Amino acid sequence: MTENIATHYERIGGDGAVRQLCVDFYQIMVDTPQTQLLRNMHPEDIKISEEKLYLFLSGWLGGPQLYVEKYGHPRLRARHLPFSIGIEERDQWLYCMAQALKKQDLDPLFAEQLMGAFVQIADFMRNREE
C-alpha cells in the first residue's frame, strides 16, 4: 500500500494560503520601520514583487510551477545579483517571512521546517562579502 504524502503546498493550504503568505510578507515589509533597507530594494509598486514571490513559492512548495511557466527557471541567485544582499538584508527578509508565517494557521513543527528552508535560501542569496 502506498502512503499519500501531502506536498508542502498542500500542507500550507494550497493556492489561497500561498497567496496570503505573500500578501502578509510584503505588508509586513512595508509597515515595519526596521525593514526599510529591504523595502527600498523593491519597486514602488510592491504588487509586482508580491506576485513574483507567489508564483515562485507555489512551485517551490510543490504546487503548480507558475513561475517557471511564466518566466522560466527561477535562477534565484542570478536574478538577485543586481542587488547588494548581505547579512542585514537577509535578516530583514527572514524577519518578514517569519512574521508572515506566524499569521498562517500552521502546525508549529511544519512552520519551523519551512522557516529552516527559508533560512537556507535567504543565506544562499547573499552576494556581498562581510
Protein backbone atom coordinates (compact mmCIF):
# COMPACT_ATOMS: atom_id res chain seq x y z
CA MET A 1 0.00 0.00 0.00
CA THR A 2 1.39 3.43 -0.91
CA GLU A 3 1.11 6.29 1.51
CA ASN A 4 -0.24 9.56 0.15
CA ILE A 5 2.16 12.23 1.40
CA ALA A 6 0.98 15.82 1.09
CA THR A 7 3.28 18.35 -0.50
CA HIS A 8 4.28 21.46 1.43
CA TYR A 9 1.94 23.31 -0.93
CA GLU A 10 -0.98 21.19 0.22
CA ARG A 11 0.09 21.32 3.88
CA ILE A 12 0.28 25.12 3.88
CA GLY A 13 -3.26 25.26 2.48
CA GLY A 14 -2.84 25.49 -1.29
CA ASP A 15 -3.18 28.47 -3.58
CA GLY A 16 -5.08 30.81 -1.26
CA ALA A 17 -2.70 30.25 1.63
CA VAL A 18 0.41 30.76 -0.51
CA ARG A 19 -1.05 33.98 -1.90
CA GLN A 20 -1.94 35.19 1.61
CA LEU A 21 1.57 34.39 2.86
CA CYS A 22 2.97 36.65 0.12
CA VAL A 23 0.48 39.44 0.85
CA ASP A 24 1.38 39.26 4.54
CA PHE A 25 5.11 39.13 3.81
CA TYR A 26 5.08 42.33 1.77
CA GLN A 27 2.66 44.13 4.07
CA ILE A 28 4.98 43.41 6.98
CA MET A 29 7.95 44.62 4.95
CA VAL A 30 6.18 47.86 4.03
CA ASP A 31 4.87 48.52 7.55
CA THR A 32 7.99 47.70 9.58
CA PRO A 33 10.46 50.58 10.05
CA GLN A 34 13.31 48.10 10.66
CA THR A 35 12.88 46.51 7.22
CA GLN A 36 13.09 49.66 5.10
CA LEU A 37 16.52 48.70 3.72
CA LEU A 38 14.81 45.65 2.21
CA ARG A 39 11.78 47.69 1.14
CA ASN A 40 13.99 50.12 -0.73
CA MET A 41 15.34 47.27 -2.88
CA HIS A 42 11.85 46.69 -4.31
CA PRO A 43 9.84 48.65 -6.87
CA GLU A 44 7.42 51.29 -5.63
CA ASP A 45 4.52 49.05 -6.72
CA ILE A 46 5.07 46.18 -4.31
CA LYS A 47 2.34 44.10 -6.02
CA ILE A 48 4.82 43.14 -8.75
CA SER A 49 7.20 41.59 -6.22
CA GLU A 50 4.32 40.05 -4.29
CA GLU A 51 3.09 38.31 -7.44
CA LYS A 52 6.55 37.00 -8.34
CA LEU A 53 7.04 35.60 -4.82
CA TYR A 54 3.62 33.95 -5.03
CA LEU A 55 4.43 32.39 -8.41
CA PHE A 56 7.80 31.17 -7.16
CA LEU A 57 6.58 29.81 -3.81
CA SER A 58 3.74 27.91 -5.49
CA GLY A 59 6.24 25.73 -7.33
CA TRP A 60 8.90 25.73 -4.61
CA LEU A 61 6.37 24.34 -2.15
CA GLY A 62 5.40 21.54 -4.53
CA GLY A 63 2.37 23.09 -6.20
CA PRO A 64 1.91 24.37 -9.74
CA GLN A 65 5.12 25.59 -11.40
CA LEU A 66 3.62 29.02 -12.10
CA TYR A 67 6.90 30.94 -12.04
CA VAL A 68 8.60 28.51 -14.44
CA GLU A 69 5.62 28.67 -16.81
CA LYS A 70 5.74 32.47 -16.90
CA TYR A 71 9.45 33.33 -16.55
CA GLY A 72 11.43 30.12 -16.99
CA HIS A 73 13.84 28.64 -14.46
CA PRO A 74 13.93 30.77 -11.30
CA ARG A 75 17.74 31.17 -11.28
CA LEU A 76 17.28 32.81 -7.88
CA ARG A 77 20.84 33.81 -7.25
CA ALA A 78 21.34 35.23 -10.75
CA ARG A 79 18.08 37.20 -10.56
CA HIS A 80 19.16 38.71 -7.24
CA LEU A 81 22.72 39.63 -8.29
CA PRO A 82 21.80 43.23 -9.22
CA PHE A 83 21.01 43.78 -5.53
CA SER A 84 23.66 44.01 -2.83
CA ILE A 85 22.49 41.38 -0.34
CA GLY A 86 24.33 40.94 2.90
CA ILE A 87 23.54 39.74 6.38
CA GLU A 88 21.27 42.69 7.21
CA GLU A 89 19.18 42.31 4.04
CA ARG A 90 18.95 38.55 4.58
CA ASP A 91 17.86 39.02 8.18
CA GLN A 92 15.23 41.61 7.23
CA TRP A 93 13.80 39.21 4.63
CA LEU A 94 13.76 36.38 7.16
CA TYR A 95 12.06 38.61 9.73
CA CYS A 96 9.27 39.40 7.27
CA MET A 97 8.85 35.74 6.35
CA ALA A 98 8.84 34.60 9.99
CA GLN A 99 6.14 37.16 10.83
CA ALA A 100 4.10 36.20 7.75
CA LEU A 101 4.32 32.50 8.66
CA LYS A 102 3.07 33.30 12.17
CA LYS A 103 -0.11 34.67 10.59
CA GLN A 104 -0.78 31.29 8.96
CA ASP A 105 -2.61 28.59 10.90
CA LEU A 106 0.21 26.04 10.58
CA ASP A 107 1.38 23.13 12.64
CA PRO A 108 4.31 24.56 14.65
CA LEU A 109 6.73 21.83 13.53
CA PHE A 110 5.80 22.38 9.88
CA ALA A 111 6.24 26.16 10.26
CA GLU A 112 9.66 25.55 11.82
CA GLN A 113 10.64 23.27 8.93
CA LEU A 114 9.54 25.87 6.40
CA MET A 115 11.45 28.58 8.22
CA GLY A 116 14.57 26.39 8.18
CA ALA A 117 14.27 26.04 4.41
CA PHE A 118 13.74 29.81 4.04
CA VAL A 119 16.89 30.43 6.11
CA GLN A 120 18.91 28.29 3.69
CA ILE A 121 17.50 30.05 0.63
CA ALA A 122 17.94 33.53 2.11
CA ASP A 123 21.52 32.79 3.09
CA PHE A 124 22.20 31.50 -0.44
CA MET A 125 21.03 34.86 -1.84
CA ARG A 126 23.81 36.73 -0.02
CA ASN A 127 26.22 38.12 -2.59
CA ARG A 128 28.24 40.66 -0.60
CA GLU A 129 31.38 39.93 1.39
CA GLU A 130 31.11 40.97 5.00
